[in-house]
Amino acid sequence: MSRAARAVALAALCAALVGCGSDEKLPAIRVGTPQPGAAAPGPGEVVLRFVQAARRGDAEQMWALLSEPTRRSIGPGVTSFAKGTAPDLIKSFEDFRRGRILLSRRLEDAWAVGAVAGRYESDDGESDPAAYATALRHEGGTWRIELYAVVIARLRPGPLGTTGDRPDVRAEAQAGDGVERMFLWLDGRAARVPYARTSAFTGELRGRPIEPLAAGDHAAVVFAQTGVTAGAQAWSFHVDD
């Protein structure tokens, strides 16, 4: 089964388990609203370089772009990374093509978010929209990628799923300490949606766009931050005609 097919199957399973909730009253999502921080080219460029290095199978370059806390968690050095974590990352990007920066934003002195969009194109001609995002930590005067410290899941619409023009949009963040804030972007535009802390270690964004989304492919990006770390997730979905 291809990566795209697995993503569709997973999205369908999640929908079956938690329900669609299409008639549920949800908070309004307003797209194109003011947001903390400012646009900055650096974070998106670093994420694009990371994806390109993974496409080349260049574990050394990938390692160079990681933050110190990430290196400590998956190291202890580039050799162990190249034999351990890197192969899975490289494999996940082997079909990623036509990468471009979707979002590049500095949120404060310490944190930023970057996302790239592209296509998954397999050798058998299959093609699907693709999106990837990470949080970035400011270290030594540059931005470095922070991985694995925050898990962002329970995504709606499901990755590569198909939905109506005013979908239930959701993401849940899980971390080893309290999730302090979350932000959402739709197609690179800031989206205001209420944040709820659902437990000591989880937080959630959930809402429904006020304005209908255009038919076609869309990309969502979510950033979540704790007191010591941060994470991000991006995914694509399709709005029916």
C-alpha atoms as a PDB file:
ATOM      1  CA  MET A   1       0.000   0.000   0.000  1.00  0.00           C
ATOM      2  CA  SER A   2       1.371   3.439  -0.908  1.00  0.00           C
ATOM      3  CA  ARG A   3       1.977   6.197   1.654  1.00  0.00           C
ATOM      4  CA  ALA A   4      -0.955   8.167   0.304  1.00  0.00           C
ATOM      5  CA  ALA A   5      -3.260   5.153   0.494  1.00  0.00           C
ATOM      6  CA  ARG A   6      -2.161   4.452   4.070  1.00  0.00           C
ATOM      7  CA  ALA A   7      -2.877   8.068   5.035  1.00  0.00           C
ATOM      8  CA  VAL A   8      -6.367   7.881   3.523  1.00  0.00           C
ATOM      9  CA  ALA A   9      -7.071   4.576   5.275  1.00  0.00           C
ATOM     10  CA  LEU A  10      -5.867   5.982   8.605  1.00  0.00           C
ATOM     11  CA  ALA A  11      -8.007   9.086   8.203  1.00  0.00           C
ATOM     12  CA  ALA A  12     -11.058   6.929   7.477  1.00  0.00           C
ATOM     13  CA  LEU A  13     -10.397   4.795  10.539  1.00  0.00           C
ATOM     14  CA  CYS A  14     -10.031   7.849  12.787  1.00  0.00           C
ATOM     15  CA  ALA A  15     -13.275   9.278  11.444  1.00  0.00           C
ATOM     16  CA  ALA A  16     -15.051   6.010  12.153  1.00  0.00           C
ATOM     17  CA  LEU A  17     -13.723   5.915  15.724  1.00  0.00           C
ATOM     18  CA  VAL A  18     -14.459   9.490  16.758  1.00  0.00           C
ATOM     19  CA  GLY A  19     -17.373  10.385  14.474  1.00  0.00           C
ATOM     20  CA  CYS A  20     -17.680  13.137  11.941  1.00  0.00           C
ATOM     21  CA  GLY A  21     -19.437  15.691  14.149  1.00  0.00           C
ATOM     22  CA  SER A  22     -20.678  17.580  11.085  1.00  0.00           C
ATOM     23  CA  ASP A  23     -23.731  18.927  12.926  1.00  0.00           C
ATOM     24  CA  GLU A  24     -21.856  19.781  16.111  1.00  0.00           C
ATOM     25  CA  LYS A  25     -21.706  23.412  17.215  1.00  0.00           C
ATOM     26  CA  LEU A  26     -18.031  24.397  17.071  1.00  0.00           C
ATOM     27  CA  PRO A  27     -16.114  27.619  17.741  1.00  0.00           C
ATOM     28  CA  ALA A  28     -15.687  29.866  14.709  1.00  0.00           C
ATOM     29  CA  ILE A  29     -12.371  29.910  12.862  1.00  0.00           C
ATOM     30  CA  ARG A  30     -11.485  33.275  11.359  1.00  0.00           C
ATOM     31  CA  VAL A  31      -8.804  33.146   8.659  1.00  0.00           C
ATOM     32  CA  GLY A  32      -6.463  36.059   7.976  1.00  0.00           C
ATOM     33  CA  THR A  33      -6.318  37.419  11.521  1.00  0.00           C
ATOM     34  CA  PRO A  34      -3.506  39.146  13.480  1.00  0.00           C
ATOM     35  CA  GLN A  35      -1.099  36.820  15.239  1.00  0.00           C
ATOM     36  CA  PRO A  36       1.954  36.966  17.544  1.00  0.00           C
ATOM     37  CA  GLY A  37       5.331  37.180  15.860  1.00  0.00           C
ATOM     38  CA  ALA A  38       6.159  38.175  12.304  1.00  0.00           C
ATOM     39  CA  ALA A  39       6.917  36.675   8.916  1.00  0.00           C
ATOM     40  CA  ALA A  40      10.609  35.828   8.520  1.00  0.00           C
ATOM     41  CA  PRO A  41      12.341  33.909   5.699  1.00  0.00           C
ATOM     42  CA  GLY A  42      14.802  31.915   7.803  1.00  0.00           C
ATOM     43  CA  PRO A  43      12.596  29.248   9.436  1.00  0.00           C
ATOM     44  CA  GLY A  44      10.956  28.128   6.199  1.00  0.00           C
ATOM     45  CA  GLU A  45      14.306  28.012   4.416  1.00  0.00           C
ATOM     46  CA  VAL A  46      15.730  25.720   7.113  1.00  0.00           C
ATOM     47  CA  VAL A  47      12.767  23.329   6.885  1.00  0.00           C
ATOM     48  CA  LEU A  48      13.064  23.238   3.088  1.00  0.00           C
ATOM     49  CA  ARG A  49      16.798  22.476   3.368  1.00  0.00           C
ATOM     50  CA  PHE A  50      16.005  19.660   5.811  1.00  0.00           C
ATOM     51  CA  VAL A  51      13.466  18.125   3.430  1.00  0.00           C
ATOM     52  CA  GLN A  52      15.868  18.440   0.504  1.00  0.00           C
ATOM     53  CA  ALA A  53      18.661  16.798   2.530  1.00  0.00           C
ATOM     54  CA  ALA A  54      16.311  13.929   3.406  1.00  0.00           C
ATOM     55  CA  ARG A  55      15.427  13.530  -0.268  1.00  0.00           C
ATOM     56  CA  ARG A  56      19.159  13.197  -1.036  1.00  0.00           C
ATOM     57  CA  GLY A  57      19.707  10.793   1.850  1.00  0.00           C
ATOM     58  CA  ASP A  58      22.165  13.257   3.401  1.00  0.00           C
ATOM     59  CA  ALA A  59      22.079  12.354   7.103  1.00  0.00           C
ATOM     60  CA  GLU A  60      25.029  14.616   7.912  1.00  0.00           C
ATOM     61  CA  GLN A  61      23.271  17.717   6.583  1.00  0.00           C
ATOM     62  CA  MET A  62      20.041  16.728   8.359  1.00  0.00           C
ATOM     63  CA  TRP A  63      21.953  16.374  11.630  1.00  0.00           C
ATOM     64  CA  ALA A  64      23.515  19.819  11.181  1.00  0.00           C
ATOM     65  CA  LEU A  65      20.033  21.390  11.042  1.00  0.00           C
ATOM     66  CA  LEU A  66      18.757  19.821  14.286  1.00  0.00           C
ATOM     67  CA  SER A  67      18.559  21.622  17.627  1.00  0.00           C
ATOM     68  CA  GLU A  68      20.769  20.571  20.525  1.00  0.00           C
ATOM     69  CA  PRO A  69      17.862  19.104  22.560  1.00  0.00           C
ATOM     70  CA  THR A  70      16.792  17.074  19.511  1.00  0.00           C
ATOM     71  CA  ARG A  71      20.348  15.815  18.989  1.00  0.00           C
ATOM     72  CA  ARG A  72      20.579  14.748  22.629  1.00  0.00           C
ATOM     73  CA  SER A  73      17.311  12.831  22.354  1.00  0.00           C
ATOM     74  CA  ILE A  74      18.222  10.885  19.195  1.00  0.00           C
ATOM     75  CA  GLY A  75      22.055  10.991  19.164  1.00  0.00           C
ATOM     76  CA  PRO A  76      24.550  10.811  20.670  1.00  0.00           C
ATOM     77  CA  GLY A  77      26.172  11.748  17.361  1.00  0.00           C
ATOM     78  CA  VAL A  78      25.735  11.900  13.621  1.00  0.00           C
ATOM     79  CA  THR A  79      26.925   8.293  13.160  1.00  0.00           C
ATOM     80  CA  SER A  80      24.232   6.849  15.421  1.00  0.00           C
ATOM     81  CA  PHE A  81      21.668   9.211  13.861  1.00  0.00           C
ATOM     82  CA  ALA A  82      22.632   8.025  10.371  1.00  0.00           C
ATOM     83  CA  LYS A  83      22.109   4.413  11.416  1.00  0.00           C
ATOM     84  CA  GLY A  84      19.056   4.921  13.623  1.00  0.00           C
ATOM     85  CA  THR A  85      16.583   7.776  13.126  1.00  0.00           C
ATOM     86  CA  ALA A  86      17.735   9.159   9.768  1.00  0.00           C
ATOM     87  CA  PRO A  87      16.721   6.164   7.582  1.00  0.00           C
ATOM     88  CA  ASP A  88      13.080   6.466   8.646  1.00  0.00           C
ATOM     89  CA  LEU A  89      13.076  10.210   7.940  1.00  0.00           C
ATOM     90  CA  ILE A  90      14.767   9.670   4.582  1.00  0.00           C
ATOM     91  CA  LYS A  91      12.245   7.011   3.598  1.00  0.00           C
ATOM     92  CA  SER A  92       9.321   9.267   4.525  1.00  0.00           C
ATOM     93  CA  PHE A  93      10.532  11.879   2.011  1.00  0.00           C
ATOM     94  CA  GLU A  94      11.566   9.582  -0.843  1.00  0.00           C
ATOM     95  CA  ASP A  95       8.417  10.432  -2.848  1.00  0.00           C
ATOM     96  CA  PHE A  96       8.287  14.130  -1.848  1.00  0.00           C
ATOM     97  CA  ARG A  97       8.596  16.399  -4.901  1.00  0.00           C
ATOM     98  CA  ARG A  98       8.249  20.071  -5.853  1.00  0.00           C
ATOM     99  CA  GLY A  99       8.855  21.388  -2.338  1.00  0.00           C
ATOM    100  CA  ARG A 100       8.164  25.071  -1.690  1.00  0.00           C
ATOM    101  CA  ILE A 101       7.914  27.172   1.448  1.00  0.00           C
ATOM    102  CA  LEU A 102       4.318  27.345   2.680  1.00  0.00           C
ATOM    103  CA  LEU A 103       4.856  29.121   6.016  1.00  0.00           C
ATOM    104  CA  SER A 104       7.832  30.836   7.640  1.00  0.00           C
ATOM    105  CA  ARG A 105       7.150  32.738  10.826  1.00  0.00           C
ATOM    106  CA  ARG A 106       9.126  33.849  13.857  1.00  0.00           C
ATOM    107  CA  LEU A 107       6.871  33.640  16.896  1.00  0.00           C
ATOM    108  CA  GLU A 108       9.227  35.148  19.481  1.00  0.00           C
ATOM    109  CA  ASP A 109      12.936  35.278  20.307  1.00  0.00           C
ATOM    110  CA  ALA A 110      13.215  31.536  20.961  1.00  0.00           C
ATOM    111  CA  TRP A 111      10.683  29.902  18.621  1.00  0.00           C
ATOM    112  CA  ALA A 112       9.545  29.843  15.018  1.00  0.00           C
ATOM    113  CA  VAL A 113       7.515  27.630  12.709  1.00  0.00           C
ATOM    114  CA  GLY A 114       8.296  26.608   9.136  1.00  0.00           C
ATOM    115  CA  ALA A 115       6.327  24.514   6.668  1.00  0.00           C
ATOM    116  CA  VAL A 116       6.790  23.298   3.116  1.00  0.00           C
ATOM    117  CA  ALA A 117       4.245  22.035   0.617  1.00  0.00           C
ATOM    118  CA  GLY A 118       4.750  19.797  -2.391  1.00  0.00           C
ATOM    119  CA  ARG A 119       3.553  16.542  -3.914  1.00  0.00           C
ATOM    120  CA  TYR A 120       3.970  12.864  -3.150  1.00  0.00           C
ATOM    121  CA  GLU A 121       4.787  11.400  -6.560  1.00  0.00           C
ATOM    122  CA  SER A 122       5.511   7.680  -6.743  1.00  0.00           C
ATOM    123  CA  ASP A 123       7.211   5.814  -9.583  1.00  0.00           C
ATOM    124  CA  ASP A 124       3.869   4.296 -10.623  1.00  0.00           C
ATOM    125  CA  GLY A 125       2.426   7.759 -11.344  1.00  0.00           C
ATOM    126  CA  GLU A 126       0.453   8.296  -8.138  1.00  0.00           C
ATOM    127  CA  SER A 127       0.391  11.956  -7.036  1.00  0.00           C
ATOM    128  CA  ASP A 128      -1.047  13.544  -3.904  1.00  0.00           C
ATOM    129  CA  PRO A 129      -0.560  16.875  -2.116  1.00  0.00           C
ATOM    130  CA  ALA A 130       2.048  16.864   0.650  1.00  0.00           C
ATOM    131  CA  ALA A 131       2.886  19.180   3.548  1.00  0.00           C
ATOM    132  CA  TYR A 132       5.494  19.083   6.303  1.00  0.00           C
ATOM    133  CA  ALA A 133       6.139  21.430   9.239  1.00  0.00           C
ATOM    134  CA  THR A 134       8.457  21.711  12.226  1.00  0.00           C
ATOM    135  CA  ALA A 135       9.040  24.006  15.157  1.00  0.00           C
ATOM    136  CA  LEU A 136      12.421  25.741  15.163  1.00  0.00           C
ATOM    137  CA  ARG A 137      14.531  26.803  18.128  1.00  0.00           C
ATOM    138  CA  HIS A 138      16.851  29.833  17.927  1.00  0.00           C
ATOM    139  CA  GLU A 139      20.380  28.685  18.765  1.00  0.00           C
ATOM    140  CA  GLY A 140      23.711  30.383  18.168  1.00  0.00           C
ATOM    141  CA  GLY A 141      22.210  33.037  15.941  1.00  0.00           C
ATOM    142  CA  THR A 142      20.399  30.604  13.629  1.00  0.00           C
ATOM    143  CA  TRP A 143      17.227  28.512  13.489  1.00  0.00           C
ATOM    144  CA  ARG A 144      17.440  24.779  14.188  1.00  0.00           C
ATOM    145  CA  ILE A 145      14.761  22.124  13.874  1.00  0.00           C
ATOM    146  CA  GLU A 146      13.091  20.753  17.012  1.00  0.00           C
ATOM    147  CA  LEU A 147      11.705  17.220  16.608  1.00  0.00           C
ATOM    148  CA  TYR A 148       9.805  14.612  18.640  1.00  0.00           C
ATOM    149  CA  ALA A 149       9.228  16.577  21.871  1.00  0.00           C
ATOM    150  CA  VAL A 150       5.550  17.377  21.122  1.00  0.00           C
ATOM    151  CA  VAL A 151       3.138  14.975  19.422  1.00  0.00           C
ATOM    152  CA  ILE A 152       0.355  16.577  17.375  1.00  0.00           C
ATOM    153  CA  ALA A 153      -2.384  14.126  16.417  1.00  0.00           C
ATOM    154  CA  ARG A 154      -6.175  13.588  16.113  1.00  0.00           C
ATOM    155  CA  LEU A 155      -6.112  15.705  12.958  1.00  0.00           C
ATOM    156  CA  ARG A 156      -9.291  16.809  11.200  1.00  0.00           C
ATOM    157  CA  PRO A 157      -9.950  16.797   8.344  1.00  0.00           C
ATOM    158  CA  GLY A 158      -7.942  13.586   8.105  1.00  0.00           C
ATOM    159  CA  PRO A 159      -4.661  13.748   6.161  1.00  0.00           C
ATOM    160  CA  LEU A 160      -5.473  13.458   2.428  1.00  0.00           C
ATOM    161  CA  GLY A 161      -9.135  13.226   3.343  1.00  0.00           C
ATOM    162  CA  THR A 162     -12.023  14.843   1.479  1.00  0.00           C
ATOM    163  CA  THR A 163     -14.460  17.170   3.212  1.00  0.00           C
ATOM    164  CA  GLY A 164     -17.101  19.820   2.682  1.00  0.00           C
ATOM    165  CA  ASP A 165     -16.336  23.528   2.423  1.00  0.00           C
ATOM    166  CA  ARG A 166     -16.759  24.260   6.157  1.00  0.00           C
ATOM    167  CA  PRO A 167     -15.006  21.319   7.802  1.00  0.00           C
ATOM    168  CA  ASP A 168     -14.444  20.445  11.427  1.00  0.00           C
ATOM    169  CA  VAL A 169     -10.763  21.445  11.879  1.00  0.00           C
ATOM    170  CA  ARG A 170      -8.968  19.904  14.833  1.00  0.00           C
ATOM    171  CA  ALA A 171      -5.557  19.043  16.270  1.00  0.00           C
ATOM    172  CA  GLU A 172      -4.476  17.778  19.679  1.00  0.00           C
ATOM    173  CA  ALA A 173      -0.996  18.349  21.145  1.00  0.00           C
ATOM    174  CA  GLN A 174       0.582  15.994  23.694  1.00  0.00           C
ATOM    175  CA  ALA A 175       3.821  16.636  25.571  1.00  0.00           C
ATOM    176  CA  GLY A 176       5.755  15.663  28.684  1.00  0.00           C
ATOM    177  CA  ASP A 177       4.763  18.930  30.350  1.00  0.00           C
ATOM    178  CA  GLY A 178       1.908  21.385  30.002  1.00  0.00           C
ATOM    179  CA  VAL A 179       0.974  22.606  26.511  1.00  0.00           C
ATOM    180  CA  GLU A 180       0.800  26.368  26.927  1.00  0.00           C
ATOM    181  CA  ARG A 181      -0.392  27.547  23.525  1.00  0.00           C
ATOM    182  CA  MET A 182      -1.264  26.401  20.014  1.00  0.00           C
ATOM    183  CA  PHE A 183      -1.606  28.226  16.697  1.00  0.00           C
ATOM    184  CA  LEU A 184      -3.240  27.247  13.409  1.00  0.00           C
ATOM    185  CA  TRP A 185      -2.662  28.306   9.805  1.00  0.00           C
ATOM    186  CA  LEU A 186      -4.772  27.392   6.772  1.00  0.00           C
ATOM    187  CA  ASP A 187      -2.947  27.644   3.441  1.00  0.00           C
ATOM    188  CA  GLY A 188      -0.293  29.792   5.111  1.00  0.00           C
ATOM    189  CA  ARG A 189      -2.801  32.281   6.567  1.00  0.00           C
ATOM    190  CA  ALA A 190      -3.204  32.733  10.312  1.00  0.00           C
ATOM    191  CA  ALA A 191      -6.467  31.325  11.628  1.00  0.00           C
ATOM    192  CA  ARG A 192      -7.919  32.382  14.969  1.00  0.00           C
ATOM    193  CA  VAL A 193      -9.471  29.460  16.857  1.00  0.00           C
ATOM    194  CA  PRO A 194      -9.902  29.048  20.628  1.00  0.00           C
ATOM    195  CA  TYR A 195      -7.264  26.962  22.415  1.00  0.00           C
ATOM    196  CA  ALA A 196      -8.356  24.581  25.175  1.00  0.00           C
ATOM    197  CA  ARG A 197      -6.065  22.823  27.626  1.00  0.00           C
ATOM    198  CA  THR A 198      -7.741  19.425  27.921  1.00  0.00           C
ATOM    199  CA  SER A 199      -5.470  17.830  30.554  1.00  0.00           C
ATOM    200  CA  ALA A 200      -2.195  18.425  32.361  1.00  0.00           C
ATOM    201  CA  PHE A 201      -0.267  17.306  29.290  1.00  0.00           C
ATOM    202  CA  THR A 202      -2.598  17.929  26.332  1.00  0.00           C
ATOM    203  CA  GLY A 203      -4.153  20.843  24.504  1.00  0.00           C
ATOM    204  CA  GLU A 204      -6.560  21.150  21.592  1.00  0.00           C
ATOM    205  CA  LEU A 205      -7.562  23.481  18.800  1.00  0.00           C
ATOM    206  CA  ARG A 206     -10.951  22.844  17.256  1.00  0.00           C
ATOM    207  CA  GLY A 207     -13.375  24.902  15.211  1.00  0.00           C
ATOM    208  CA  ARG A 208     -15.146  25.460  11.912  1.00  0.00           C
ATOM    209  CA  PRO A 209     -14.293  28.169   9.332  1.00  0.00           C
ATOM    210  CA  ILE A 210     -16.765  31.028   9.161  1.00  0.00           C
ATOM    211  CA  GLU A 211     -16.224  31.418   5.432  1.00  0.00           C
ATOM    212  CA  PRO A 212     -16.444  28.401   3.099  1.00  0.00           C
ATOM    213  CA  LEU A 213     -13.125  27.080   1.839  1.00  0.00           C
ATOM    214  CA  ALA A 214     -12.599  26.993  -1.914  1.00  0.00           C
ATOM    215  CA  ALA A 215     -12.857  23.653  -3.675  1.00  0.00           C
ATOM    216  CA  GLY A 216      -9.507  21.934  -4.140  1.00  0.00           C
ATOM    217  CA  ASP A 217      -6.452  21.036  -2.069  1.00  0.00           C
ATOM    218  CA  HIS A 218      -5.659  22.812   1.203  1.00  0.00           C
ATOM    219  CA  ALA A 219      -2.895  22.608   3.813  1.00  0.00           C
ATOM    220  CA  ALA A 220      -3.174  23.084   7.567  1.00  0.00           C
ATOM    221  CA  VAL A 221      -0.260  23.812   9.927  1.00  0.00           C
ATOM    222  CA  VAL A 222      -0.399  23.594  13.729  1.00  0.00           C
ATOM    223  CA  PHE A 223       2.248  24.779  16.210  1.00  0.00           C
ATOM    224  CA  ALA A 224       2.222  23.826  19.897  1.00  0.00           C
ATOM    225  CA  GLN A 225       4.503  25.049  22.687  1.00  0.00           C
ATOM    226  CA  THR A 226       5.270  24.024  26.261  1.00  0.00           C
ATOM    227  CA  GLY A 227       7.472  25.812  28.752  1.00  0.00           C
ATOM    228  CA  VAL A 228      10.592  24.090  27.410  1.00  0.00           C
ATOM    229  CA  THR A 229       9.945  22.838  23.880  1.00  0.00           C
ATOM    230  CA  ALA A 230       7.657  23.079  20.857  1.00  0.00           C
ATOM    231  CA  GLY A 231       6.446  21.088  17.867  1.00  0.00           C
ATOM    232  CA  ALA A 232       4.543  21.509  14.621  1.00  0.00           C
ATOM    233  CA  GLN A 233       2.544  19.382  12.210  1.00  0.00           C
ATOM    234  CA  ALA A 234       1.245  19.970   8.684  1.00  0.00           C
ATOM    235  CA  TRP A 235      -1.174  18.001   6.573  1.00  0.00           C
ATOM    236  CA  SER A 236      -3.154  18.297   3.365  1.00  0.00           C
ATOM    237  CA  PHE A 237      -6.849  17.732   2.715  1.00  0.00           C
ATOM    238  CA  HIS A 238      -9.274  18.232  -0.174  1.00  0.00           C
ATOM    239  CA  VAL A 239     -12.512  20.242  -0.296  1.00  0.00           C
ATOM    240  CA  ASP A 240     -15.140  18.792  -2.608  1.00  0.00           C
ATOM    241  CA  ASP A 241     -16.628  20.819  -5.458  1.00  0.00           C
END
